[in-house]
Amino acid sequence: MARKKSFEEYREENLREQEKIKQQIEDARLKQLQAEHCIQRAENQIAYQRKKKDKARVHRLITKGAAIEAICKDTQYLMESEFYELMDEVLNVPELKFHLRVSDMVQGRQEIVEEE
């Protein structure tokens, strides 16, 4: 016959089990912290890329606006609404076919940029 466990043996077994559970909880907390850190790094990377694209766009817009002012210096005195009206008139002259010319010039570039 197997002998019965003493109170001390039950107590020691229970303490070992408690330590085991505490270690599992601590391991789970560590994994949770690591996962949260990984998520934060991914979010930071996304924000960094978005900010980088926004800066590139702002730079491009400023450069192209400066080019317009360099070619036609008086545009700096136009109000914003007047400038938009002028650009709308100039760019929509049917004989110029501006949109078609731009389209032909940049054909295939969008796919290249999207791949990057």
C-alpha atoms as a PDB file:
ATOM      1  CA  MET A   1       0.000   0.000   0.000  1.00  0.00           C
ATOM      2  CA  ALA A   2       1.136   3.478  -0.803  1.00  0.00           C
ATOM      3  CA  ARG A   3       1.672   5.626   2.162  1.00  0.00           C
ATOM      4  CA  LYS A   4      -0.276   8.836   2.598  1.00  0.00           C
ATOM      5  CA  LYS A   5       1.473  12.143   2.081  1.00  0.00           C
ATOM      6  CA  SER A   6       2.143  14.182   5.131  1.00  0.00           C
ATOM      7  CA  PHE A   7       0.975  17.774   5.492  1.00  0.00           C
ATOM      8  CA  GLU A   8       4.541  18.964   4.878  1.00  0.00           C
ATOM      9  CA  GLU A   9       4.733  17.015   1.633  1.00  0.00           C
ATOM     10  CA  TYR A  10       1.409  18.487   0.437  1.00  0.00           C
ATOM     11  CA  ARG A  11       2.587  21.936   1.425  1.00  0.00           C
ATOM     12  CA  GLU A  12       5.914  21.591  -0.402  1.00  0.00           C
ATOM     13  CA  GLU A  13       4.154  20.212  -3.475  1.00  0.00           C
ATOM     14  CA  ASN A  14       1.712  23.115  -3.390  1.00  0.00           C
ATOM     15  CA  LEU A  15       4.547  25.654  -3.045  1.00  0.00           C
ATOM     16  CA  ARG A  16       6.357  24.117  -6.022  1.00  0.00           C
ATOM     17  CA  GLU A  17       3.143  24.298  -8.038  1.00  0.00           C
ATOM     18  CA  GLN A  18       2.666  27.940  -7.027  1.00  0.00           C
ATOM     19  CA  GLU A  19       6.214  28.789  -8.083  1.00  0.00           C
ATOM     20  CA  LYS A  20       5.644  27.037 -11.379  1.00  0.00           C
ATOM     21  CA  ILE A  21       2.455  29.053 -11.995  1.00  0.00           C
ATOM     22  CA  LYS A  22       4.178  32.306 -10.970  1.00  0.00           C
ATOM     23  CA  GLN A  23       6.957  31.564 -13.464  1.00  0.00           C
ATOM     24  CA  GLN A  24       4.399  30.894 -16.217  1.00  0.00           C
ATOM     25  CA  ILE A  25       2.665  34.195 -15.411  1.00  0.00           C
ATOM     26  CA  GLU A  26       5.992  36.030 -15.514  1.00  0.00           C
ATOM     27  CA  ASP A  27       6.867  34.378 -18.860  1.00  0.00           C
ATOM     28  CA  ALA A  28       3.471  35.391 -20.260  1.00  0.00           C
ATOM     29  CA  ARG A  29       3.982  38.985 -19.066  1.00  0.00           C
ATOM     30  CA  LEU A  30       7.392  39.079 -20.708  1.00  0.00           C
ATOM     31  CA  LYS A  31       5.943  37.769 -23.985  1.00  0.00           C
ATOM     32  CA  GLN A  32       3.168  40.369 -23.777  1.00  0.00           C
ATOM     33  CA  LEU A  33       5.703  43.169 -23.259  1.00  0.00           C
ATOM     34  CA  GLN A  34       7.769  41.891 -26.168  1.00  0.00           C
ATOM     35  CA  ALA A  35       4.688  41.757 -28.406  1.00  0.00           C
ATOM     36  CA  GLU A  36       3.672  45.299 -27.375  1.00  0.00           C
ATOM     37  CA  HIS A  37       7.206  46.511 -28.113  1.00  0.00           C
ATOM     38  CA  CYS A  38       7.102  44.829 -31.524  1.00  0.00           C
ATOM     39  CA  ILE A  39       3.761  46.512 -32.292  1.00  0.00           C
ATOM     40  CA  GLN A  40       5.142  49.884 -31.197  1.00  0.00           C
ATOM     41  CA  ARG A  41       8.200  49.465 -33.435  1.00  0.00           C
ATOM     42  CA  ALA A  42       5.967  48.627 -36.408  1.00  0.00           C
ATOM     43  CA  GLU A  43       3.769  51.665 -35.729  1.00  0.00           C
ATOM     44  CA  ASN A  44       6.862  53.872 -35.450  1.00  0.00           C
ATOM     45  CA  GLN A  45       8.170  52.527 -38.753  1.00  0.00           C
ATOM     46  CA  ILE A  46       4.847  53.257 -40.464  1.00  0.00           C
ATOM     47  CA  ALA A  47       4.805  56.789 -39.026  1.00  0.00           C
ATOM     48  CA  TYR A  48       8.405  57.322 -40.141  1.00  0.00           C
ATOM     49  CA  GLN A  49       7.637  56.199 -43.708  1.00  0.00           C
ATOM     50  CA  ARG A  50       4.500  58.378 -43.833  1.00  0.00           C
ATOM     51  CA  LYS A  51       6.448  61.400 -42.585  1.00  0.00           C
ATOM     52  CA  LYS A  52       9.186  60.721 -45.135  1.00  0.00           C
ATOM     53  CA  LYS A  53       6.621  60.597 -47.980  1.00  0.00           C
ATOM     54  CA  ASP A  54       4.942  63.774 -46.720  1.00  0.00           C
ATOM     55  CA  LYS A  55       8.281  65.615 -46.633  1.00  0.00           C
ATOM     56  CA  ALA A  56       9.078  64.458 -50.169  1.00  0.00           C
ATOM     57  CA  ARG A  57       5.668  65.666 -51.372  1.00  0.00           C
ATOM     58  CA  VAL A  58       6.075  69.068 -49.707  1.00  0.00           C
ATOM     59  CA  HIS A  59       9.536  69.416 -51.250  1.00  0.00           C
ATOM     60  CA  ARG A  60       8.189  68.482 -54.680  1.00  0.00           C
ATOM     61  CA  LEU A  61       5.320  70.982 -54.415  1.00  0.00           C
ATOM     62  CA  ILE A  62       7.613  73.786 -53.296  1.00  0.00           C
ATOM     63  CA  THR A  63      10.084  73.039 -56.082  1.00  0.00           C
ATOM     64  CA  LYS A  64       7.394  73.017 -58.773  1.00  0.00           C
ATOM     65  CA  GLY A  65       5.776  76.171 -57.381  1.00  0.00           C
ATOM     66  CA  ALA A  66       9.164  77.877 -57.429  1.00  0.00           C
ATOM     67  CA  ALA A  67       9.631  76.801 -61.025  1.00  0.00           C
ATOM     68  CA  ILE A  68       6.339  78.445 -61.985  1.00  0.00           C
ATOM     69  CA  GLU A  69       7.384  81.662 -60.222  1.00  0.00           C
ATOM     70  CA  ALA A  70      10.795  81.552 -61.904  1.00  0.00           C
ATOM     71  CA  ILE A  71       9.209  81.283 -65.347  1.00  0.00           C
ATOM     72  CA  CYS A  72       6.483  83.866 -64.695  1.00  0.00           C
ATOM     73  CA  LYS A  73       7.673  86.170 -61.942  1.00  0.00           C
ATOM     74  CA  ASP A  74       4.410  88.110 -61.662  1.00  0.00           C
ATOM     75  CA  THR A  75       2.578  85.036 -60.315  1.00  0.00           C
ATOM     76  CA  GLN A  76       3.938  85.883 -56.883  1.00  0.00           C
ATOM     77  CA  TYR A  77       1.537  88.852 -56.772  1.00  0.00           C
ATOM     78  CA  LEU A  78      -1.544  86.789 -57.618  1.00  0.00           C
ATOM     79  CA  MET A  79      -3.973  85.852 -54.914  1.00  0.00           C
ATOM     80  CA  GLU A  80      -4.418  82.118 -54.426  1.00  0.00           C
ATOM     81  CA  SER A  81      -7.845  82.072 -56.101  1.00  0.00           C
ATOM     82  CA  GLU A  82      -6.471  84.035 -59.076  1.00  0.00           C
ATOM     83  CA  PHE A  83      -3.563  81.633 -59.397  1.00  0.00           C
ATOM     84  CA  TYR A  84      -5.894  78.609 -59.401  1.00  0.00           C
ATOM     85  CA  GLU A  85      -8.128  80.288 -61.984  1.00  0.00           C
ATOM     86  CA  LEU A  86      -5.128  81.056 -64.194  1.00  0.00           C
ATOM     87  CA  MET A  87      -3.735  77.525 -63.922  1.00  0.00           C
ATOM     88  CA  ASP A  88      -7.142  76.074 -64.692  1.00  0.00           C
ATOM     89  CA  GLU A  89      -7.383  78.196 -67.839  1.00  0.00           C
ATOM     90  CA  VAL A  90      -3.822  77.490 -68.969  1.00  0.00           C
ATOM     91  CA  LEU A  91      -3.889  73.765 -68.304  1.00  0.00           C
ATOM     92  CA  ASN A  92      -7.283  73.181 -69.874  1.00  0.00           C
ATOM     93  CA  VAL A  93      -6.635  74.814 -73.248  1.00  0.00           C
ATOM     94  CA  PRO A  94      -7.782  72.062 -75.652  1.00  0.00           C
ATOM     95  CA  GLU A  95      -5.064  72.791 -78.196  1.00  0.00           C
ATOM     96  CA  LEU A  96      -2.314  72.157 -75.640  1.00  0.00           C
ATOM     97  CA  LYS A  97      -3.615  68.737 -74.620  1.00  0.00           C
ATOM     98  CA  PHE A  98      -1.704  69.245 -71.364  1.00  0.00           C
ATOM     99  CA  HIS A  99      -3.101  66.226 -69.543  1.00  0.00           C
ATOM    100  CA  LEU A 100      -2.333  63.925 -72.456  1.00  0.00           C
ATOM    101  CA  ARG A 101       1.227  65.261 -72.746  1.00  0.00           C
ATOM    102  CA  VAL A 102       1.858  64.760 -69.037  1.00  0.00           C
ATOM    103  CA  SER A 103       0.313  61.313 -69.227  1.00  0.00           C
ATOM    104  CA  ASP A 104       2.621  60.342 -72.093  1.00  0.00           C
ATOM    105  CA  MET A 105       5.688  61.721 -70.316  1.00  0.00           C
ATOM    106  CA  VAL A 106       5.156  59.770 -67.096  1.00  0.00           C
ATOM    107  CA  GLN A 107       3.761  56.563 -68.540  1.00  0.00           C
ATOM    108  CA  GLY A 108       4.913  53.580 -66.472  1.00  0.00           C
ATOM    109  CA  ARG A 109       6.452  55.644 -63.669  1.00  0.00           C
ATOM    110  CA  GLN A 110       3.601  55.103 -61.225  1.00  0.00           C
ATOM    111  CA  GLU A 111       4.164  51.330 -61.231  1.00  0.00           C
ATOM    112  CA  ILE A 112       7.875  51.841 -60.589  1.00  0.00           C
ATOM    113  CA  VAL A 113       7.197  54.176 -57.653  1.00  0.00           C
ATOM    114  CA  GLU A 114       4.587  51.818 -56.189  1.00  0.00           C
ATOM    115  CA  GLU A 115       7.074  48.918 -56.298  1.00  0.00           C
ATOM    116  CA  GLU A 116       9.520  50.871 -54.172  1.00  0.00           C
END
